[in-house]
């Protein structure tokens, strides 16, 4: 039977759902910023 230390190690090893969601949203926002920059260059 795993001890209480084992459970905390598993939780620390993988990011929480909130952290994972935040990372995905930040990557998406960065991609959108890059697309906007490229479109601005083409229009000018």
C-alpha atoms as a PDB file:
ATOM      1  CA  UNK A   1       0.000   0.000   0.000  1.00  0.00           C
ATOM      2  CA  UNK A   2       1.532   3.350  -1.015  1.00  0.00           C
ATOM      3  CA  UNK A   3       2.338   5.778   1.749  1.00  0.00           C
ATOM      4  CA  UNK A   4       1.174   9.402   1.874  1.00  0.00           C
ATOM      5  CA  UNK A   5       4.505  10.554   0.383  1.00  0.00           C
ATOM      6  CA  UNK A   6       3.797   8.637  -2.823  1.00  0.00           C
ATOM      7  CA  UNK A   7       0.564  10.535  -3.486  1.00  0.00           C
ATOM      8  CA  UNK A   8       2.143  13.977  -3.085  1.00  0.00           C
ATOM      9  CA  UNK A   9       5.005  12.975  -5.407  1.00  0.00           C
ATOM     10  CA  UNK A  10       2.516  12.034  -8.130  1.00  0.00           C
ATOM     11  CA  UNK A  11       0.639  15.312  -7.775  1.00  0.00           C
ATOM     12  CA  UNK A  12       3.837  17.363  -7.974  1.00  0.00           C
ATOM     13  CA  UNK A  13       5.103  15.416 -10.968  1.00  0.00           C
ATOM     14  CA  UNK A  14       2.170  16.242 -13.258  1.00  0.00           C
ATOM     15  CA  UNK A  15       0.761  19.764 -13.599  1.00  0.00           C
ATOM     16  CA  UNK A  16      -2.712  20.444 -12.300  1.00  0.00           C
ATOM     17  CA  UNK A  17      -5.554  20.815 -14.766  1.00  0.00           C
ATOM     18  CA  UNK A  18      -5.582  24.566 -14.113  1.00  0.00           C
ATOM     19  CA  UNK A  19      -1.858  24.916 -14.847  1.00  0.00           C
ATOM     20  CA  UNK A  20      -2.169  22.787 -17.959  1.00  0.00           C
ATOM     21  CA  UNK A  21      -5.160  24.799 -19.202  1.00  0.00           C
ATOM     22  CA  UNK A  22      -3.358  28.070 -18.506  1.00  0.00           C
ATOM     23  CA  UNK A  23      -0.289  26.887 -20.448  1.00  0.00           C
ATOM     24  CA  UNK A  24      -2.415  25.886 -23.449  1.00  0.00           C
ATOM     25  CA  UNK A  25      -4.225  29.243 -23.439  1.00  0.00           C
ATOM     26  CA  UNK A  26      -0.927  31.138 -23.216  1.00  0.00           C
ATOM     27  CA  UNK A  27       0.458  29.182 -26.183  1.00  0.00           C
ATOM     28  CA  UNK A  28      -2.729  29.896 -28.164  1.00  0.00           C
ATOM     29  CA  UNK A  29      -2.527  33.618 -27.352  1.00  0.00           C
ATOM     30  CA  UNK A  30       1.131  33.716 -28.402  1.00  0.00           C
ATOM     31  CA  UNK A  31       0.240  32.034 -31.706  1.00  0.00           C
ATOM     32  CA  UNK A  32      -2.522  34.594 -32.302  1.00  0.00           C
ATOM     33  CA  UNK A  33      -0.094  37.451 -31.590  1.00  0.00           C
ATOM     34  CA  UNK A  34       2.326  36.023 -34.151  1.00  0.00           C
ATOM     35  CA  UNK A  35      -0.438  35.720 -36.764  1.00  0.00           C
ATOM     36  CA  UNK A  36      -1.485  39.334 -36.128  1.00  0.00           C
ATOM     37  CA  UNK A  37       2.131  40.502 -36.562  1.00  0.00           C
ATOM     38  CA  UNK A  38       2.416  38.644 -39.873  1.00  0.00           C
ATOM     39  CA  UNK A  39      -0.875  40.083 -41.136  1.00  0.00           C
ATOM     40  CA  UNK A  40       0.168  43.619 -40.181  1.00  0.00           C
ATOM     41  CA  UNK A  41       3.434  43.186 -42.127  1.00  0.00           C
ATOM     42  CA  UNK A  42       1.528  42.062 -45.226  1.00  0.00           C
ATOM     43  CA  UNK A  43      -0.928  44.959 -45.046  1.00  0.00           C
ATOM     44  CA  UNK A  44       1.776  47.641 -44.685  1.00  0.00           C
END
